[in-house]
Amino acid sequence: MNEKQNKKEKRISCFLPKGAGVKMVEMLQSEKNIVSTNVHSGRGQRTAETWKEQEILTVIVDADRAEEIFEYIYFQGKLNEPGGGFIFQSDLNRATSFKLPDIA
């Protein structure tokens, strides 16, 4: 096994208000050079009566940068404010690097 295969990585997942996911992806790329992100939509329920559209952001980062990126998303995504969202982090057993081609 080479060194890259032994590298530890973390997955950071968070639920953001609709419209905030793509903005966070752009901020992570431009300010933190993070390109291993994914955003998709879902519906969630805060109370028994209310369904709300949300965006789910998933970020894969090296374990040594996980706390830095977690904190960045927490504050820049305003998850520290009431109703701001939810965030959690977990270990990954394996991950495969990917990069989309630059088509611009």
N, C-alpha and C. Protein backbone atom coordinates (compact mmCIF):
# COMPACT_ATOMS: atom_id res chain seq x y z
N MET A 1 0.83 -1.19 0.00
CA MET A 1 0.00 0.00 0.00
C MET A 1 0.87 1.25 0.00
N ASN A 2 0.47 2.20 -0.79
CA ASN A 2 1.26 3.43 -0.78
C ASN A 2 0.74 4.39 0.28
N GLU A 3 1.45 5.47 0.47
CA GLU A 3 1.12 6.44 1.53
C GLU A 3 -0.27 7.03 1.36
N LYS A 4 -0.68 7.30 0.12
CA LYS A 4 -1.98 7.89 -0.13
C LYS A 4 -3.12 6.96 0.31
N GLN A 5 -2.94 5.65 0.15
CA GLN A 5 -3.97 4.71 0.55
C GLN A 5 -4.12 4.63 2.07
N ASN A 6 -3.09 4.98 2.81
CA ASN A 6 -3.14 4.93 4.28
C ASN A 6 -3.63 6.24 4.90
N LYS A 7 -3.90 7.24 4.09
CA LYS A 7 -4.28 8.55 4.58
C LYS A 7 -5.66 8.50 5.26
N LYS A 8 -5.78 9.13 6.41
CA LYS A 8 -7.04 9.19 7.16
C LYS A 8 -7.87 10.37 6.66
N GLU A 9 -9.15 10.12 6.48
CA GLU A 9 -10.05 11.18 6.04
C GLU A 9 -11.32 11.16 6.89
N LYS A 10 -11.99 12.30 6.89
CA LYS A 10 -13.24 12.48 7.64
C LYS A 10 -14.32 12.95 6.68
N ARG A 11 -15.55 12.62 7.03
CA ARG A 11 -16.71 13.12 6.29
C ARG A 11 -17.46 14.10 7.20
N ILE A 12 -17.67 15.29 6.70
CA ILE A 12 -18.46 16.31 7.40
C ILE A 12 -19.78 16.43 6.63
N SER A 13 -20.88 16.27 7.33
CA SER A 13 -22.20 16.38 6.71
C SER A 13 -22.99 17.44 7.45
N CYS A 14 -23.76 18.22 6.72
CA CYS A 14 -24.60 19.21 7.39
C CYS A 14 -25.86 19.46 6.60
N PHE A 15 -26.87 19.90 7.32
CA PHE A 15 -28.16 20.26 6.75
C PHE A 15 -28.24 21.79 6.81
N LEU A 16 -28.39 22.40 5.64
CA LEU A 16 -28.40 23.85 5.52
C LEU A 16 -29.74 24.32 4.96
N PRO A 17 -30.11 25.57 5.20
CA PRO A 17 -31.32 26.10 4.59
C PRO A 17 -31.21 26.05 3.06
N LYS A 18 -32.33 25.91 2.40
CA LYS A 18 -32.36 25.85 0.94
C LYS A 18 -31.62 27.06 0.36
N GLY A 19 -30.75 26.80 -0.60
CA GLY A 19 -30.00 27.87 -1.26
C GLY A 19 -28.62 28.11 -0.67
N ALA A 20 -28.34 27.56 0.50
CA ALA A 20 -27.05 27.81 1.16
C ALA A 20 -25.97 26.80 0.77
N GLY A 21 -26.35 25.64 0.25
CA GLY A 21 -25.38 24.59 -0.04
C GLY A 21 -24.39 24.94 -1.13
N VAL A 22 -24.87 25.40 -2.26
CA VAL A 22 -23.98 25.74 -3.38
C VAL A 22 -23.08 26.92 -3.00
N LYS A 23 -23.62 27.87 -2.28
CA LYS A 23 -22.81 29.00 -1.82
C LYS A 23 -21.67 28.50 -0.93
N MET A 24 -21.96 27.55 -0.04
CA MET A 24 -20.92 27.01 0.84
C MET A 24 -19.87 26.25 0.03
N VAL A 25 -20.29 25.50 -0.98
CA VAL A 25 -19.34 24.80 -1.85
C VAL A 25 -18.39 25.80 -2.50
N GLU A 26 -18.92 26.88 -3.02
CA GLU A 26 -18.10 27.91 -3.66
C GLU A 26 -17.12 28.54 -2.66
N MET A 27 -17.59 28.80 -1.44
CA MET A 27 -16.72 29.38 -0.41
C MET A 27 -15.62 28.40 -0.01
N LEU A 28 -15.96 27.12 0.14
CA LEU A 28 -14.96 26.12 0.50
C LEU A 28 -13.89 26.01 -0.58
N GLN A 29 -14.30 26.09 -1.84
CA GLN A 29 -13.33 26.00 -2.92
C GLN A 29 -12.43 27.23 -2.98
N SER A 30 -13.02 28.42 -2.92
CA SER A 30 -12.22 29.63 -3.09
C SER A 30 -11.40 30.00 -1.86
N GLU A 31 -11.92 29.75 -0.66
CA GLU A 31 -11.23 30.17 0.56
C GLU A 31 -10.41 29.07 1.23
N LYS A 32 -10.80 27.80 1.03
CA LYS A 32 -10.13 26.70 1.74
C LYS A 32 -9.54 25.64 0.79
N ASN A 33 -9.70 25.85 -0.51
CA ASN A 33 -9.19 24.92 -1.52
C ASN A 33 -9.73 23.49 -1.32
N ILE A 34 -10.99 23.39 -0.94
CA ILE A 34 -11.66 22.11 -0.76
C ILE A 34 -12.55 21.86 -1.99
N VAL A 35 -12.30 20.77 -2.69
CA VAL A 35 -13.08 20.46 -3.89
C VAL A 35 -13.84 19.13 -3.78
N SER A 36 -13.73 18.45 -2.68
CA SER A 36 -14.41 17.16 -2.49
C SER A 36 -15.73 17.36 -1.75
N THR A 37 -16.69 17.96 -2.45
CA THR A 37 -17.98 18.29 -1.85
C THR A 37 -19.13 17.74 -2.68
N ASN A 38 -20.27 17.63 -2.05
CA ASN A 38 -21.49 17.21 -2.74
C ASN A 38 -22.67 17.90 -2.06
N VAL A 39 -23.63 18.36 -2.86
CA VAL A 39 -24.84 18.99 -2.32
C VAL A 39 -26.05 18.34 -2.98
N HIS A 40 -27.03 18.01 -2.18
CA HIS A 40 -28.31 17.57 -2.72
C HIS A 40 -29.43 18.07 -1.81
N SER A 41 -30.64 18.00 -2.30
CA SER A 41 -31.80 18.53 -1.57
C SER A 41 -32.58 17.42 -0.89
N GLY A 42 -33.29 17.82 0.13
CA GLY A 42 -34.17 16.91 0.84
C GLY A 42 -35.19 17.71 1.61
N ARG A 43 -36.14 17.01 2.18
CA ARG A 43 -37.15 17.68 3.01
C ARG A 43 -37.01 17.18 4.42
N GLY A 44 -37.15 18.10 5.36
CA GLY A 44 -37.06 17.74 6.76
C GLY A 44 -38.21 18.34 7.53
N GLN A 45 -38.35 17.90 8.75
CA GLN A 45 -39.45 18.34 9.58
C GLN A 45 -38.92 18.80 10.93
N ARG A 46 -39.15 20.05 11.25
CA ARG A 46 -38.74 20.58 12.56
C ARG A 46 -39.82 20.38 13.60
N THR A 47 -41.04 20.50 13.18
CA THR A 47 -42.17 20.26 14.08
C THR A 47 -43.10 19.26 13.40
N ALA A 48 -44.10 18.82 14.11
CA ALA A 48 -45.02 17.82 13.55
C ALA A 48 -45.81 18.36 12.37
N GLU A 49 -45.95 19.67 12.26
CA GLU A 49 -46.77 20.26 11.20
C GLU A 49 -45.98 20.79 10.00
N THR A 50 -44.72 21.05 10.16
CA THR A 50 -43.97 21.80 9.14
C THR A 50 -42.92 20.96 8.44
N TRP A 51 -43.00 20.89 7.10
CA TRP A 51 -41.95 20.29 6.28
C TRP A 51 -41.19 21.42 5.63
N LYS A 52 -39.88 21.28 5.57
CA LYS A 52 -39.06 22.34 5.02
C LYS A 52 -38.01 21.76 4.07
N GLU A 53 -37.83 22.41 2.93
CA GLU A 53 -36.79 22.01 1.98
C GLU A 53 -35.43 22.40 2.54
N GLN A 54 -34.48 21.46 2.48
CA GLN A 54 -33.13 21.71 2.99
C GLN A 54 -32.12 21.22 1.98
N GLU A 55 -30.89 21.67 2.13
CA GLU A 55 -29.79 21.15 1.32
C GLU A 55 -28.85 20.39 2.24
N ILE A 56 -28.39 19.26 1.76
CA ILE A 56 -27.47 18.43 2.52
C ILE A 56 -26.10 18.54 1.86
N LEU A 57 -25.14 19.02 2.62
CA LEU A 57 -23.77 19.20 2.14
C LEU A 57 -22.90 18.11 2.75
N THR A 58 -22.11 17.44 1.91
CA THR A 58 -21.16 16.45 2.38
C THR A 58 -19.79 16.86 1.88
N VAL A 59 -18.82 16.86 2.79
CA VAL A 59 -17.45 17.26 2.47
C VAL A 59 -16.50 16.18 2.97
N ILE A 60 -15.57 15.76 2.13
CA ILE A 60 -14.54 14.80 2.53
C ILE A 60 -13.23 15.57 2.67
N VAL A 61 -12.60 15.46 3.85
CA VAL A 61 -11.36 16.21 4.11
C VAL A 61 -10.34 15.31 4.79
N ASP A 62 -9.08 15.68 4.65
CA ASP A 62 -8.02 14.99 5.39
C ASP A 62 -8.31 15.15 6.88
N ALA A 63 -8.03 14.13 7.65
CA ALA A 63 -8.31 14.16 9.09
C ALA A 63 -7.62 15.33 9.78
N ASP A 64 -6.43 15.69 9.32
CA ASP A 64 -5.71 16.79 9.97
C ASP A 64 -6.32 18.17 9.71
N ARG A 65 -7.25 18.28 8.75
CA ARG A 65 -7.94 19.55 8.49
C ARG A 65 -9.40 19.52 8.92
N ALA A 66 -9.86 18.40 9.44
CA ALA A 66 -11.29 18.21 9.72
C ALA A 66 -11.84 19.24 10.70
N GLU A 67 -11.15 19.49 11.79
CA GLU A 67 -11.67 20.45 12.78
C GLU A 67 -11.72 21.87 12.21
N GLU A 68 -10.71 22.24 11.45
CA GLU A 68 -10.67 23.56 10.81
C GLU A 68 -11.86 23.74 9.87
N ILE A 69 -12.11 22.76 9.02
CA ILE A 69 -13.20 22.86 8.04
C ILE A 69 -14.55 22.75 8.72
N PHE A 70 -14.68 21.90 9.72
CA PHE A 70 -15.91 21.79 10.49
C PHE A 70 -16.28 23.15 11.09
N GLU A 71 -15.32 23.77 11.74
CA GLU A 71 -15.56 25.08 12.36
C GLU A 71 -15.91 26.14 11.32
N TYR A 72 -15.21 26.10 10.19
CA TYR A 72 -15.49 27.06 9.11
C TYR A 72 -16.94 26.93 8.63
N ILE A 73 -17.37 25.71 8.34
CA ILE A 73 -18.74 25.49 7.88
C ILE A 73 -19.74 25.89 8.97
N TYR A 74 -19.44 25.56 10.22
CA TYR A 74 -20.32 25.87 11.33
C TYR A 74 -20.60 27.37 11.43
N PHE A 75 -19.56 28.17 11.35
CA PHE A 75 -19.75 29.61 11.50
C PHE A 75 -20.14 30.30 10.19
N GLN A 76 -19.51 29.97 9.07
CA GLN A 76 -19.85 30.61 7.80
C GLN A 76 -21.24 30.21 7.32
N GLY A 77 -21.66 28.98 7.65
CA GLY A 77 -23.00 28.52 7.29
C GLY A 77 -24.07 28.96 8.28
N LYS A 78 -23.64 29.69 9.32
CA LYS A 78 -24.53 30.22 10.37
C LYS A 78 -25.29 29.10 11.09
N LEU A 79 -24.61 27.97 11.23
CA LEU A 79 -25.21 26.86 11.97
C LEU A 79 -25.24 27.13 13.47
N ASN A 80 -24.49 28.13 13.90
CA ASN A 80 -24.47 28.53 15.30
C ASN A 80 -25.68 29.38 15.68
N GLU A 81 -26.49 29.77 14.71
CA GLU A 81 -27.66 30.60 14.97
C GLU A 81 -28.91 29.73 15.07
N PRO A 82 -29.92 30.18 15.81
CA PRO A 82 -31.16 29.39 15.93
C PRO A 82 -31.76 29.09 14.56
N GLY A 83 -32.09 27.84 14.33
CA GLY A 83 -32.67 27.44 13.06
C GLY A 83 -31.68 27.35 11.92
N GLY A 84 -30.38 27.46 12.23
CA GLY A 84 -29.36 27.51 11.19
C GLY A 84 -29.07 26.19 10.51
N GLY A 85 -29.31 25.09 11.17
CA GLY A 85 -29.04 23.79 10.57
C GLY A 85 -28.42 22.83 11.55
N PHE A 86 -27.80 21.78 11.01
CA PHE A 86 -27.26 20.70 11.81
C PHE A 86 -25.99 20.20 11.13
N ILE A 87 -24.96 19.87 11.91
CA ILE A 87 -23.70 19.43 11.34
C ILE A 87 -23.13 18.29 12.18
N PHE A 88 -22.48 17.34 11.52
CA PHE A 88 -21.79 16.27 12.23
C PHE A 88 -20.61 15.78 11.41
N GLN A 89 -19.72 15.06 12.06
CA GLN A 89 -18.48 14.59 11.44
C GLN A 89 -18.29 13.12 11.79
N SER A 90 -17.75 12.36 10.83
CA SER A 90 -17.50 10.94 11.08
C SER A 90 -16.22 10.49 10.38
N ASP A 91 -15.66 9.40 10.89
CA ASP A 91 -14.48 8.80 10.27
C ASP A 91 -14.90 8.09 8.99
N LEU A 92 -13.97 7.98 8.06
CA LEU A 92 -14.17 7.19 6.85
C LEU A 92 -13.21 6.01 6.87
N ASN A 93 -13.71 4.86 6.52
CA ASN A 93 -12.82 3.70 6.38
C ASN A 93 -12.04 3.78 5.08
N ARG A 94 -12.72 4.22 4.02
CA ARG A 94 -12.09 4.36 2.71
C ARG A 94 -12.75 5.49 1.95
N ALA A 95 -11.98 6.11 1.09
CA ALA A 95 -12.51 7.14 0.20
C ALA A 95 -11.68 7.14 -1.07
N THR A 96 -12.31 7.48 -2.17
CA THR A 96 -11.62 7.56 -3.45
C THR A 96 -11.60 9.00 -3.90
N SER A 97 -10.44 9.49 -4.26
CA SER A 97 -10.33 10.86 -4.75
C SER A 97 -11.01 11.00 -6.09
N PHE A 98 -11.68 12.13 -6.28
CA PHE A 98 -12.27 12.42 -7.57
C PHE A 98 -12.16 13.90 -7.84
N LYS A 99 -12.12 14.25 -9.09
CA LYS A 99 -12.11 15.66 -9.47
C LYS A 99 -12.82 15.78 -10.80
N LEU A 100 -13.76 16.69 -10.86
CA LEU A 100 -14.48 16.93 -12.09
C LEU A 100 -13.60 17.72 -13.06
N PRO A 101 -13.73 17.48 -14.34
CA PRO A 101 -12.91 18.23 -15.31
C PRO A 101 -13.33 19.69 -15.36
N ASP A 102 -12.39 20.54 -15.65
CA ASP A 102 -12.66 21.96 -15.81
C ASP A 102 -13.18 22.17 -17.23
N ILE A 103 -14.47 22.51 -17.34
CA ILE A 103 -15.07 22.64 -18.66
C ILE A 103 -15.31 24.11 -19.06
N ALA A 104 -14.81 25.01 -18.25
CA ALA A 104 -15.02 26.44 -18.51
C ALA A 104 -14.21 26.94 -19.68
